[in-house]
PDB file of N, CA and C in Angstrom:
ATOM      1  N   UNK A   1     -79.340 -12.269 -95.620  1.00  0.00           N
ATOM      2  CA  UNK A   1     -79.416 -11.705 -94.289  1.00  0.00           C
ATOM      3  C   UNK A   1     -79.294 -12.843 -93.276  1.00  0.00           C
ATOM      4  N   UNK A   2     -78.460 -12.632 -92.301  1.00  0.00           N
ATOM      5  CA  UNK A   2     -78.241 -13.642 -91.270  1.00  0.00           C
ATOM      6  C   UNK A   2     -79.454 -13.731 -90.349  1.00  0.00           C
ATOM      7  N   UNK A   3     -79.533 -14.861 -89.679  1.00  0.00           N
ATOM      8  CA  UNK A   3     -80.619 -15.072 -88.731  1.00  0.00           C
ATOM      9  C   UNK A   3     -80.546 -14.067 -87.583  1.00  0.00           C
ATOM     10  N   UNK A   4     -79.331 -13.741 -87.135  1.00  0.00           N
ATOM     11  CA  UNK A   4     -79.171 -12.787 -86.033  1.00  0.00           C
ATOM     12  C   UNK A   4     -79.620 -11.380 -86.455  1.00  0.00           C
ATOM     13  N   UNK A   5     -79.411 -11.015 -87.720  1.00  0.00           N
ATOM     14  CA  UNK A   5     -79.879  -9.706 -88.218  1.00  0.00           C
ATOM     15  C   UNK A   5     -81.397  -9.639 -88.222  1.00  0.00           C
ATOM     16  N   UNK A   6     -82.033 -10.733 -88.611  1.00  0.00           N
ATOM     17  CA  UNK A   6     -83.499 -10.786 -88.626  1.00  0.00           C
ATOM     18  C   UNK A   6     -84.056 -10.651 -87.215  1.00  0.00           C
ATOM     19  N   UNK A   7     -83.397 -11.312 -86.264  1.00  0.00           N
ATOM     20  CA  UNK A   7     -83.849 -11.239 -84.875  1.00  0.00           C
ATOM     21  C   UNK A   7     -83.717  -9.814 -84.347  1.00  0.00           C
ATOM     22  N   UNK A   8     -82.646  -9.143 -84.660  1.00  0.00           N
ATOM     23  CA  UNK A   8     -82.454  -7.752 -84.222  1.00  0.00           C
ATOM     24  C   UNK A   8     -83.521  -6.849 -84.815  1.00  0.00           C
ATOM     25  N   UNK A   9     -83.820  -7.026 -86.094  1.00  0.00           N
ATOM     26  CA  UNK A   9     -84.863  -6.211 -86.746  1.00  0.00           C
ATOM     27  C   UNK A   9     -86.218  -6.473 -86.112  1.00  0.00           C
ATOM     28  N   UNK A  10     -86.519  -7.724 -85.834  1.00  0.00           N
ATOM     29  CA  UNK A  10     -87.796  -8.076 -85.200  1.00  0.00           C
ATOM     30  C   UNK A  10     -87.874  -7.479 -83.800  1.00  0.00           C
ATOM     31  N   UNK A  11     -86.790  -7.533 -83.041  1.00  0.00           N
ATOM     32  CA  UNK A  11     -86.776  -6.957 -81.693  1.00  0.00           C
ATOM     33  C   UNK A  11     -86.970  -5.440 -81.729  1.00  0.00           C
ATOM     34  N   UNK A  12     -86.327  -4.767 -82.659  1.00  0.00           N
ATOM     35  CA  UNK A  12     -86.487  -3.310 -82.784  1.00  0.00           C
ATOM     36  C   UNK A  12     -87.924  -2.972 -83.145  1.00  0.00           C
ATOM     37  N   UNK A  13     -88.491  -3.705 -84.096  1.00  0.00           N
ATOM     38  CA  UNK A  13     -89.888  -3.476 -84.484  1.00  0.00           C
ATOM     39  C   UNK A  13     -90.828  -3.734 -83.312  1.00  0.00           C
ATOM     40  N   UNK A  14     -90.558  -4.779 -82.540  1.00  0.00           N
ATOM     41  CA  UNK A  14     -91.404  -5.092 -81.381  1.00  0.00           C
ATOM     42  C   UNK A  14     -91.341  -3.985 -80.334  1.00  0.00           C
ATOM     43  N   UNK A  15     -90.148  -3.450 -80.077  1.00  0.00           N
ATOM     44  CA  UNK A  15     -90.006  -2.366 -79.104  1.00  0.00           C
ATOM     45  C   UNK A  15     -90.782  -1.133 -79.572  1.00  0.00           C
ATOM     46  N   UNK A  16     -90.694  -0.801 -80.842  1.00  0.00           N
ATOM     47  CA  UNK A  16     -91.419   0.361 -81.374  1.00  0.00           C
ATOM     48  C   UNK A  16     -92.916   0.152 -81.260  1.00  0.00           C
ATOM     49  N   UNK A  17     -93.401  -1.031 -81.626  1.00  0.00           N
ATOM     50  CA  UNK A  17     -94.848  -1.296 -81.563  1.00  0.00           C
ATOM     51  C   UNK A  17     -95.342  -1.285 -80.124  1.00  0.00           C
ATOM     52  N   UNK A  18     -94.649  -1.962 -79.232  1.00  0.00           N
ATOM     53  CA  UNK A  18     -95.075  -2.024 -77.825  1.00  0.00           C
ATOM     54  C   UNK A  18     -95.027  -0.645 -77.179  1.00  0.00           C
ATOM     55  N   UNK A  19     -94.014   0.141 -77.509  1.00  0.00           N
ATOM     56  CA  UNK A  19     -93.903   1.464 -76.893  1.00  0.00           C
ATOM     57  C   UNK A  19     -94.977   2.434 -77.376  1.00  0.00           C
ATOM     58  N   UNK A  20     -95.677   2.095 -78.449  1.00  0.00           N
ATOM     59  CA  UNK A  20     -96.752   2.947 -78.949  1.00  0.00           C
ATOM     60  C   UNK A  20     -98.131   2.508 -78.461  1.00  0.00           C
ATOM     61  N   UNK A  21     -98.196   1.494 -77.618  1.00  0.00           N
ATOM     62  CA  UNK A  21     -99.473   1.051 -77.067  1.00  0.00           C
ATOM     63  C   UNK A  21     -99.925   2.011 -75.964  1.00  0.00           C
ATOM     64  N   UNK A  22    -101.238   2.237 -75.837  1.00  0.00           N
ATOM     65  CA  UNK A  22    -101.750   3.240 -74.890  1.00  0.00           C
ATOM     66  C   UNK A  22    -101.251   3.137 -73.453  1.00  0.00           C
ATOM     67  N   UNK A  23    -101.177   1.965 -72.820  1.00  0.00           N
ATOM     68  CA  UNK A  23    -100.710   1.976 -71.427  1.00  0.00           C
ATOM     69  C   UNK A  23     -99.278   2.497 -71.291  1.00  0.00           C
ATOM     70  N   UNK A  24     -98.451   2.206 -72.251  1.00  0.00           N
ATOM     71  CA  UNK A  24     -97.051   2.640 -72.196  1.00  0.00           C
ATOM     72  C   UNK A  24     -96.949   4.128 -72.513  1.00  0.00           C
ATOM     73  N   UNK A  25     -97.634   4.577 -73.556  1.00  0.00           N
ATOM     74  CA  UNK A  25     -97.527   5.982 -73.960  1.00  0.00           C
ATOM     75  C   UNK A  25     -98.093   6.925 -72.898  1.00  0.00           C
ATOM     76  N   UNK A  26     -99.001   6.435 -72.058  1.00  0.00           N
ATOM     77  CA  UNK A  26     -99.551   7.270 -70.999  1.00  0.00           C
ATOM     78  C   UNK A  26     -98.432   7.783 -70.090  1.00  0.00           C
ATOM     79  N   UNK A  27     -97.455   6.956 -69.800  1.00  0.00           N
ATOM     80  CA  UNK A  27     -96.367   7.336 -68.903  1.00  0.00           C
ATOM     81  C   UNK A  27     -95.235   8.065 -69.611  1.00  0.00           C
ATOM     82  N   UNK A  28     -95.094   7.864 -70.918  1.00  0.00           N
ATOM     83  CA  UNK A  28     -93.975   8.445 -71.650  1.00  0.00           C
ATOM     84  C   UNK A  28     -94.339   9.706 -72.431  1.00  0.00           C
ATOM     85  N   UNK A  29     -95.619   9.976 -72.560  1.00  0.00           N
ATOM     86  CA  UNK A  29     -96.081  11.067 -73.418  1.00  0.00           C
ATOM     87  C   UNK A  29     -95.764  12.441 -72.837  1.00  0.00           C
ATOM     88  N   UNK A  30     -95.335  13.305 -73.712  1.00  0.00           N
ATOM     89  CA  UNK A  30     -95.072  14.700 -73.357  1.00  0.00           C
ATOM     90  C   UNK A  30     -96.395  15.460 -73.279  1.00  0.00           C
ATOM     91  N   UNK A  31     -96.447  16.490 -72.472  1.00  0.00           N
ATOM     92  CA  UNK A  31     -97.645  17.311 -72.396  1.00  0.00           C
ATOM     93  C   UNK A  31     -97.760  18.223 -73.611  1.00  0.00           C
ATOM     94  N   UNK A  32     -98.974  18.488 -74.026  1.00  0.00           N
ATOM     95  CA  UNK A  32     -99.225  19.361 -75.155  1.00  0.00           C
ATOM     96  C   UNK A  32     -99.846  20.654 -74.639  1.00  0.00           C
ATOM     97  N   UNK A  33     -99.155  21.754 -74.872  1.00  0.00           N
ATOM     98  CA  UNK A  33     -99.637  23.051 -74.400  1.00  0.00           C
ATOM     99  C   UNK A  33     -99.701  24.023 -75.562  1.00  0.00           C
ATOM    100  N   UNK A  34    -100.641  24.948 -75.466  1.00  0.00           N
ATOM    101  CA  UNK A  34    -100.886  25.915 -76.534  1.00  0.00           C
ATOM    102  C   UNK A  34    -101.065  27.298 -75.925  1.00  0.00           C
ATOM    103  N   UNK A  35    -100.788  28.317 -76.697  1.00  0.00           N
ATOM    104  CA  UNK A  35    -101.047  29.683 -76.263  1.00  0.00           C
ATOM    105  C   UNK A  35    -101.058  30.597 -77.480  1.00  0.00           C
ATOM    106  N   UNK A  36    -101.579  31.809 -77.265  1.00  0.00           N
ATOM    107  CA  UNK A  36    -101.460  32.824 -78.305  1.00  0.00           C
ATOM    108  C   UNK A  36    -100.173  33.605 -78.067  1.00  0.00           C
ATOM    109  N   UNK A  37     -99.883  34.573 -78.921  1.00  0.00           N
ATOM    110  CA  UNK A  37     -98.584  35.252 -78.902  1.00  0.00           C
ATOM    111  C   UNK A  37     -98.290  35.958 -77.577  1.00  0.00           C
ATOM    112  N   UNK A  38     -99.278  36.653 -77.022  1.00  0.00           N
ATOM    113  CA  UNK A  38     -99.014  37.412 -75.792  1.00  0.00           C
ATOM    114  C   UNK A  38     -99.287  36.612 -74.514  1.00  0.00           C
ATOM    115  N   UNK A  39     -99.704  35.350 -74.647  1.00  0.00           N
ATOM    116  CA  UNK A  39     -99.930  34.513 -73.477  1.00  0.00           C
ATOM    117  C   UNK A  39    -101.236  34.783 -72.753  1.00  0.00           C
ATOM    118  N   UNK A  40    -102.122  35.568 -73.341  1.00  0.00           N
ATOM    119  CA  UNK A  40    -103.396  35.834 -72.681  1.00  0.00           C
ATOM    120  C   UNK A  40    -104.330  34.630 -72.764  1.00  0.00           C
ATOM    121  N   UNK A  41    -104.055  33.698 -73.673  1.00  0.00           N
ATOM    122  CA  UNK A  41    -104.779  32.428 -73.733  1.00  0.00           C
ATOM    123  C   UNK A  41    -103.754  31.307 -73.603  1.00  0.00           C
ATOM    124  N   UNK A  42    -104.005  30.390 -72.693  1.00  0.00           N
ATOM    125  CA  UNK A  42    -103.151  29.210 -72.520  1.00  0.00           C
ATOM    126  C   UNK A  42    -104.041  28.003 -72.294  1.00  0.00           C
ATOM    127  N   UNK A  43    -103.599  26.874 -72.823  1.00  0.00           N
ATOM    128  CA  UNK A  43    -104.355  25.635 -72.651  1.00  0.00           C
ATOM    129  C   UNK A  43    -103.384  24.469 -72.601  1.00  0.00           C
ATOM    130  N   UNK A  44    -103.602  23.554 -71.676  1.00  0.00           N
ATOM    131  CA  UNK A  44    -102.799  22.333 -71.561  1.00  0.00           C
ATOM    132  C   UNK A  44    -103.715  21.134 -71.746  1.00  0.00           C
ATOM    133  N   UNK A  45    -103.348  20.273 -72.680  1.00  0.00           N
ATOM    134  CA  UNK A  45    -104.118  19.041 -72.869  1.00  0.00           C
ATOM    135  C   UNK A  45    -103.867  18.119 -71.691  1.00  0.00           C
ATOM    136  N   UNK A  46    -104.912  17.383 -71.347  1.00  0.00           N
ATOM    137  CA  UNK A  46    -104.795  16.364 -70.322  1.00  0.00           C
ATOM    138  C   UNK A  46    -105.381  15.085 -70.890  1.00  0.00           C
ATOM    139  N   UNK A  47    -104.992  13.961 -70.330  1.00  0.00           N
ATOM    140  CA  UNK A  47    -105.487  12.696 -70.856  1.00  0.00           C
ATOM    141  C   UNK A  47    -106.999  12.619 -70.698  1.00  0.00           C
ATOM    142  N   UNK A  48    -107.611  11.957 -71.644  1.00  0.00           N
ATOM    143  CA  UNK A  48    -109.054  11.823 -71.653  1.00  0.00           C
ATOM    144  C   UNK A  48    -109.671  12.715 -72.712  1.00  0.00           C
ATOM    145  N   UNK A  49    -110.912  12.452 -73.067  1.00  0.00           N
ATOM    146  CA  UNK A  49    -111.560  13.185 -74.164  1.00  0.00           C
ATOM    147  C   UNK A  49    -112.025  14.594 -73.797  1.00  0.00           C
ATOM    148  N   UNK A  50    -112.063  14.933 -72.524  1.00  0.00           N
ATOM    149  CA  UNK A  50    -112.616  16.233 -72.147  1.00  0.00           C
ATOM    150  C   UNK A  50    -111.600  17.365 -72.171  1.00  0.00           C
ATOM    151  N   UNK A  51    -110.331  17.064 -72.351  1.00  0.00           N
ATOM    152  CA  UNK A  51    -109.304  18.111 -72.367  1.00  0.00           C
ATOM    153  C   UNK A  51    -108.325  17.906 -73.522  1.00  0.00           C
ATOM    154  N   UNK A  52    -108.810  17.454 -74.676  1.00  0.00           N
ATOM    155  CA  UNK A  52    -107.961  17.163 -75.817  1.00  0.00           C
ATOM    156  C   UNK A  52    -107.789  18.356 -76.749  1.00  0.00           C
ATOM    157  N   UNK A  53    -107.229  18.075 -77.913  1.00  0.00           N
ATOM    158  CA  UNK A  53    -106.924  19.112 -78.890  1.00  0.00           C
ATOM    159  C   UNK A  53    -108.195  19.803 -79.393  1.00  0.00           C
ATOM    160  N   UNK A  54    -109.264  19.047 -79.597  1.00  0.00           N
ATOM    161  CA  UNK A  54    -110.520  19.652 -80.056  1.00  0.00           C
ATOM    162  C   UNK A  54    -111.047  20.658 -79.043  1.00  0.00           C
ATOM    163  N   UNK A  55    -110.893  20.352 -77.769  1.00  0.00           N
ATOM    164  CA  UNK A  55    -111.324  21.271 -76.717  1.00  0.00           C
ATOM    165  C   UNK A  55    -110.457  22.532 -76.740  1.00  0.00           C
ATOM    166  N   UNK A  56    -109.164  22.371 -76.993  1.00  0.00           N
ATOM    167  CA  UNK A  56    -108.270  23.533 -77.077  1.00  0.00           C
ATOM    168  C   UNK A  56    -108.716  24.459 -78.192  1.00  0.00           C
ATOM    169  N   UNK A  57    -109.038  23.898 -79.351  1.00  0.00           N
ATOM    170  CA  UNK A  57    -109.500  24.721 -80.475  1.00  0.00           C
ATOM    171  C   UNK A  57    -110.820  25.418 -80.145  1.00  0.00           C
ATOM    172  N   UNK A  58    -111.743  24.688 -79.537  1.00  0.00           N
ATOM    173  CA  UNK A  58    -113.042  25.275 -79.186  1.00  0.00           C
ATOM    174  C   UNK A  58    -112.883  26.397 -78.158  1.00  0.00           C
ATOM    175  N   UNK A  59    -112.050  26.191 -77.177  1.00  0.00           N
ATOM    176  CA  UNK A  59    -111.842  27.237 -76.162  1.00  0.00           C
ATOM    177  C   UNK A  59    -111.133  28.456 -76.741  1.00  0.00           C
ATOM    178  N   UNK A  60    -110.229  28.230 -77.700  1.00  0.00           N
ATOM    179  CA  UNK A  60    -109.561  29.366 -78.320  1.00  0.00           C
ATOM    180  C   UNK A  60    -110.544  30.168 -79.165  1.00  0.00           C
ATOM    181  N   UNK A  61    -111.437  29.487 -79.865  1.00  0.00           N
ATOM    182  CA  UNK A  61    -112.472  30.195 -80.630  1.00  0.00           C
ATOM    183  C   UNK A  61    -113.371  30.998 -79.694  1.00  0.00           C
ATOM    184  N   UNK A  62    -113.720  30.426 -78.562  1.00  0.00           N
ATOM    185  CA  UNK A  62    -114.528  31.138 -77.574  1.00  0.00           C
ATOM    186  C   UNK A  62    -113.764  32.338 -77.020  1.00  0.00           C
ATOM    187  N   UNK A  63    -112.475  32.157 -76.765  1.00  0.00           N
ATOM    188  CA  UNK A  63    -111.639  33.256 -76.283  1.00  0.00           C
ATOM    189  C   UNK A  63    -111.626  34.406 -77.290  1.00  0.00           C
ATOM    190  N   UNK A  64    -111.456  34.086 -78.568  1.00  0.00           N
ATOM    191  CA  UNK A  64    -111.434  35.136 -79.601  1.00  0.00           C
ATOM    192  C   UNK A  64    -112.784  35.848 -79.691  1.00  0.00           C
ATOM    193  N   UNK A  65    -113.847  35.091 -79.531  1.00  0.00           N
ATOM    194  CA  UNK A  65    -115.187  35.675 -79.595  1.00  0.00           C
ATOM    195  C   UNK A  65    -115.433  36.635 -78.428  1.00  0.00           C
ATOM    196  N   UNK A  66    -114.971  36.260 -77.235  1.00  0.00           N
ATOM    197  CA  UNK A  66    -115.209  37.079 -76.045  1.00  0.00           C
ATOM    198  C   UNK A  66    -114.156  38.164 -75.830  1.00  0.00           C
ATOM    199  N   UNK A  67    -113.098  38.149 -76.625  1.00  0.00           N
ATOM    200  CA  UNK A  67    -112.031  39.153 -76.524  1.00  0.00           C
ATOM    201  C   UNK A  67    -111.697  39.710 -77.906  1.00  0.00           C
ATOM    202  N   UNK A  68    -112.654  40.384 -78.532  1.00  0.00           N
ATOM    203  CA  UNK A  68    -112.405  40.867 -79.900  1.00  0.00           C
ATOM    204  C   UNK A  68    -111.314  41.933 -79.974  1.00  0.00           C
ATOM    205  N   UNK A  69    -111.008  42.592 -78.865  1.00  0.00           N
ATOM    206  CA  UNK A  69    -109.978  43.627 -78.866  1.00  0.00           C
ATOM    207  C   UNK A  69    -108.564  43.035 -78.878  1.00  0.00           C
ATOM    208  N   UNK A  70    -108.437  41.755 -78.516  1.00  0.00           N
ATOM    209  CA  UNK A  70    -107.130  41.097 -78.507  1.00  0.00           C
ATOM    210  C   UNK A  70    -106.705  40.811 -79.947  1.00  0.00           C
ATOM    211  N   UNK A  71    -105.543  41.320 -80.337  1.00  0.00           N
ATOM    212  CA  UNK A  71    -105.069  41.184 -81.708  1.00  0.00           C
ATOM    213  C   UNK A  71    -104.313  39.880 -81.947  1.00  0.00           C
ATOM    214  N   UNK A  72    -104.052  39.107 -80.905  1.00  0.00           N
ATOM    215  CA  UNK A  72    -103.310  37.854 -81.025  1.00  0.00           C
ATOM    216  C   UNK A  72    -104.276  36.708 -81.290  1.00  0.00           C
ATOM    217  N   UNK A  73    -104.599  36.506 -82.554  1.00  0.00           N
ATOM    218  CA  UNK A  73    -105.635  35.552 -82.940  1.00  0.00           C
ATOM    219  C   UNK A  73    -105.078  34.279 -83.564  1.00  0.00           C
ATOM    220  N   UNK A  74    -103.804  33.990 -83.325  1.00  0.00           N
ATOM    221  CA  UNK A  74    -103.190  32.766 -83.833  1.00  0.00           C
ATOM    222  C   UNK A  74    -102.837  31.883 -82.646  1.00  0.00           C
ATOM    223  N   UNK A  75    -103.233  30.623 -82.738  1.00  0.00           N
ATOM    224  CA  UNK A  75    -102.917  29.657 -81.691  1.00  0.00           C
ATOM    225  C   UNK A  75    -101.588  28.995 -82.040  1.00  0.00           C
ATOM    226  N   UNK A  76    -100.681  28.953 -81.061  1.00  0.00           N
ATOM    227  CA  UNK A  76     -99.363  28.360 -81.238  1.00  0.00           C
ATOM    228  C   UNK A  76     -99.223  27.135 -80.344  1.00  0.00           C
ATOM    229  N   UNK A  77     -98.419  26.193 -80.771  1.00  0.00           N
ATOM    230  CA  UNK A  77     -98.051  25.074 -79.905  1.00  0.00           C
ATOM    231  C   UNK A  77     -96.748  25.458 -79.211  1.00  0.00           C
ATOM    232  N   UNK A  78     -96.626  25.097 -77.958  1.00  0.00           N
ATOM    233  CA  UNK A  78     -95.406  25.434 -77.218  1.00  0.00           C
ATOM    234  C   UNK A  78     -94.467  24.233 -77.093  1.00  0.00           C
ATOM    235  N   UNK A  79     -94.827  23.116 -77.679  1.00  0.00           N
ATOM    236  CA  UNK A  79     -94.011  21.914 -77.642  1.00  0.00           C
ATOM    237  C   UNK A  79     -93.382  21.682 -79.013  1.00  0.00           C
ATOM    238  N   UNK A  80     -92.314  20.919 -79.038  1.00  0.00           N
ATOM    239  CA  UNK A  80     -91.591  20.640 -80.276  1.00  0.00           C
ATOM    240  C   UNK A  80     -91.916  19.249 -80.801  1.00  0.00           C
ATOM    241  N   UNK A  81     -91.802  19.092 -82.093  1.00  0.00           N
ATOM    242  CA  UNK A  81     -91.920  17.784 -82.719  1.00  0.00           C
ATOM    243  C   UNK A  81     -90.592  17.067 -82.500  1.00  0.00           C
ATOM    244  N   UNK A  82     -90.651  15.889 -81.918  1.00  0.00           N
ATOM    245  CA  UNK A  82     -89.435  15.139 -81.599  1.00  0.00           C
ATOM    246  C   UNK A  82     -89.526  13.750 -82.233  1.00  0.00           C
ATOM    247  N   UNK A  83     -89.126  13.626 -83.495  1.00  0.00           N
ATOM    248  CA  UNK A  83     -89.277  12.341 -84.180  1.00  0.00           C
ATOM    249  C   UNK A  83     -88.421  11.214 -83.608  1.00  0.00           C
ATOM    250  N   UNK A  84     -87.381  11.523 -82.846  1.00  0.00           N
ATOM    251  CA  UNK A  84     -86.568  10.465 -82.246  1.00  0.00           C
ATOM    252  C   UNK A  84     -87.305   9.779 -81.103  1.00  0.00           C
ATOM    253  N   UNK A  85     -88.391  10.361 -80.648  1.00  0.00           N
ATOM    254  CA  UNK A  85     -89.185   9.723 -79.594  1.00  0.00           C
ATOM    255  C   UNK A  85     -90.179   8.777 -80.252  1.00  0.00           C
ATOM    256  N   UNK A  86     -89.675   7.599 -80.635  1.00  0.00           N
ATOM    257  CA  UNK A  86     -90.468   6.664 -81.423  1.00  0.00           C
ATOM    258  C   UNK A  86     -91.728   6.209 -80.706  1.00  0.00           C
ATOM    259  N   UNK A  87     -91.801   6.316 -79.401  1.00  0.00           N
ATOM    260  CA  UNK A  87     -93.003   5.918 -78.681  1.00  0.00           C
ATOM    261  C   UNK A  87     -94.149   6.914 -78.896  1.00  0.00           C
ATOM    262  N   UNK A  88     -93.875   8.037 -79.530  1.00  0.00           N
ATOM    263  CA  UNK A  88     -94.937   8.995 -79.829  1.00  0.00           C
ATOM    264  C   UNK A  88     -95.329   8.992 -81.305  1.00  0.00           C
ATOM    265  N   UNK A  89     -94.768   8.094 -82.084  1.00  0.00           N
ATOM    266  CA  UNK A  89     -95.052   8.097 -83.514  1.00  0.00           C
ATOM    267  C   UNK A  89     -96.530   7.917 -83.808  1.00  0.00           C
ATOM    268  N   UNK A  90     -97.209   7.020 -83.097  1.00  0.00           N
ATOM    269  CA  UNK A  90     -98.622   6.813 -83.382  1.00  0.00           C
ATOM    270  C   UNK A  90     -99.404   8.097 -83.075  1.00  0.00           C
ATOM    271  N   UNK A  91     -99.057   8.756 -82.013  1.00  0.00           N
ATOM    272  CA  UNK A  91     -99.715  10.015 -81.655  1.00  0.00           C
ATOM    273  C   UNK A  91     -99.455  11.074 -82.725  1.00  0.00           C
ATOM    274  N   UNK A  92     -98.236  11.129 -83.242  1.00  0.00           N
ATOM    275  CA  UNK A  92     -97.896  12.099 -84.284  1.00  0.00           C
ATOM    276  C   UNK A  92     -98.683  11.842 -85.563  1.00  0.00           C
ATOM    277  N   UNK A  93     -98.910  10.583 -85.866  1.00  0.00           N
ATOM    278  CA  UNK A  93     -99.655  10.227 -87.082  1.00  0.00           C
ATOM    279  C   UNK A  93    -101.151  10.449 -86.886  1.00  0.00           C
ATOM    280  N   UNK A  94    -101.684   9.979 -85.776  1.00  0.00           N
ATOM    281  CA  UNK A  94    -103.130  10.038 -85.570  1.00  0.00           C
ATOM    282  C   UNK A  94    -103.635  11.431 -85.211  1.00  0.00           C
ATOM    283  N   UNK A  95    -102.794  12.294 -84.653  1.00  0.00           N
ATOM    284  CA  UNK A  95    -103.207  13.649 -84.274  1.00  0.00           C
ATOM    285  C   UNK A  95    -102.269  14.680 -84.887  1.00  0.00           C
ATOM    286  N   UNK A  96    -102.019  14.541 -86.175  1.00  0.00           N
ATOM    287  CA  UNK A  96    -101.045  15.401 -86.830  1.00  0.00           C
ATOM    288  C   UNK A  96    -101.471  16.866 -86.844  1.00  0.00           C
ATOM    289  N   UNK A  97    -102.769  17.140 -86.717  1.00  0.00           N
ATOM    290  CA  UNK A  97    -103.239  18.532 -86.787  1.00  0.00           C
ATOM    291  C   UNK A  97    -102.647  19.400 -85.678  1.00  0.00           C
ATOM    292  N   UNK A  98    -102.351  18.818 -84.532  1.00  0.00           N
ATOM    293  CA  UNK A  98    -101.752  19.615 -83.451  1.00  0.00           C
ATOM    294  C   UNK A  98    -100.322  20.027 -83.800  1.00  0.00           C
ATOM    295  N   UNK A  99     -99.638  19.228 -84.603  1.00  0.00           N
ATOM    296  CA  UNK A  99     -98.269  19.555 -85.003  1.00  0.00           C
ATOM    297  C   UNK A  99     -98.234  20.542 -86.169  1.00  0.00           C
ATOM    298  N   UNK A 100     -99.369  20.749 -86.821  1.00  0.00           N
ATOM    299  CA  UNK A 100     -99.425  21.697 -87.932  1.00  0.00           C
ATOM    300  C   UNK A 100     -99.553  23.137 -87.447  1.00  0.00           C
ATOM    301  N   UNK A 101     -99.872  23.318 -86.176  1.00  0.00           N
ATOM    302  CA  UNK A 101     -99.904  24.664 -85.623  1.00  0.00           C
ATOM    303  C   UNK A 101     -98.494  25.243 -85.649  1.00  0.00           C
ATOM    304  N   UNK A 102     -98.364  26.553 -85.809  1.00  0.00           N
ATOM    305  CA  UNK A 102     -97.018  27.137 -85.774  1.00  0.00           C
ATOM    306  C   UNK A 102     -96.412  26.989 -84.379  1.00  0.00           C
ATOM    307  N   UNK A 103     -95.107  26.828 -84.353  1.00  0.00           N
ATOM    308  CA  UNK A 103     -94.363  26.703 -83.091  1.00  0.00           C
ATOM    309  C   UNK A 103     -94.182  28.075 -82.469  1.00  0.00           C
ATOM    310  N   UNK A 104     -94.496  28.202 -81.201  1.00  0.00           N
ATOM    311  CA  UNK A 104     -94.336  29.457 -80.481  1.00  0.00           C
ATOM    312  C   UNK A 104     -92.844  29.734 -80.283  1.00  0.00           C
ATOM    313  N   UNK A 105     -92.411  30.903 -80.673  1.00  0.00           N
ATOM    314  CA  UNK A 105     -91.031  31.339 -80.497  1.00  0.00           C
ATOM    315  C   UNK A 105     -91.030  32.553 -79.569  1.00  0.00           C
ATOM    316  N   UNK A 106     -90.612  32.403 -78.317  1.00  0.00           N
ATOM    317  CA  UNK A 106     -90.612  33.554 -77.413  1.00  0.00           C
ATOM    318  C   UNK A 106     -89.670  34.640 -77.910  1.00  0.00           C
ATOM    319  N   UNK A 107     -90.024  35.871 -77.615  1.00  0.00           N
ATOM    320  CA  UNK A 107     -89.218  37.000 -78.071  1.00  0.00           C
ATOM    321  C   UNK A 107     -87.953  37.153 -77.305  1.00  0.00           C
TER     322      UNK A 107
END
């Protein structure tokens, strides 16, 4: 392997690592939104621990408890998994449970 090839590989790796650092991902990160099938429950994650994925799950459980007549008891993610967005790879790995939710498909 040539020296120039090694430098290119190192530069690509550096860009991927730097782009996954918290200050950078704050500006590049996509919003995470969730809803049930009929849209009677909606939740948008916001930065910080008080509006994260765990809060979305807790609020959806509370919604189901207070609305037993609602038959839409599955929480869907309204965002897509975009693996080409390498600056979100750390988020995809560390919070994979949000991506395991079924993708909402509008009728």
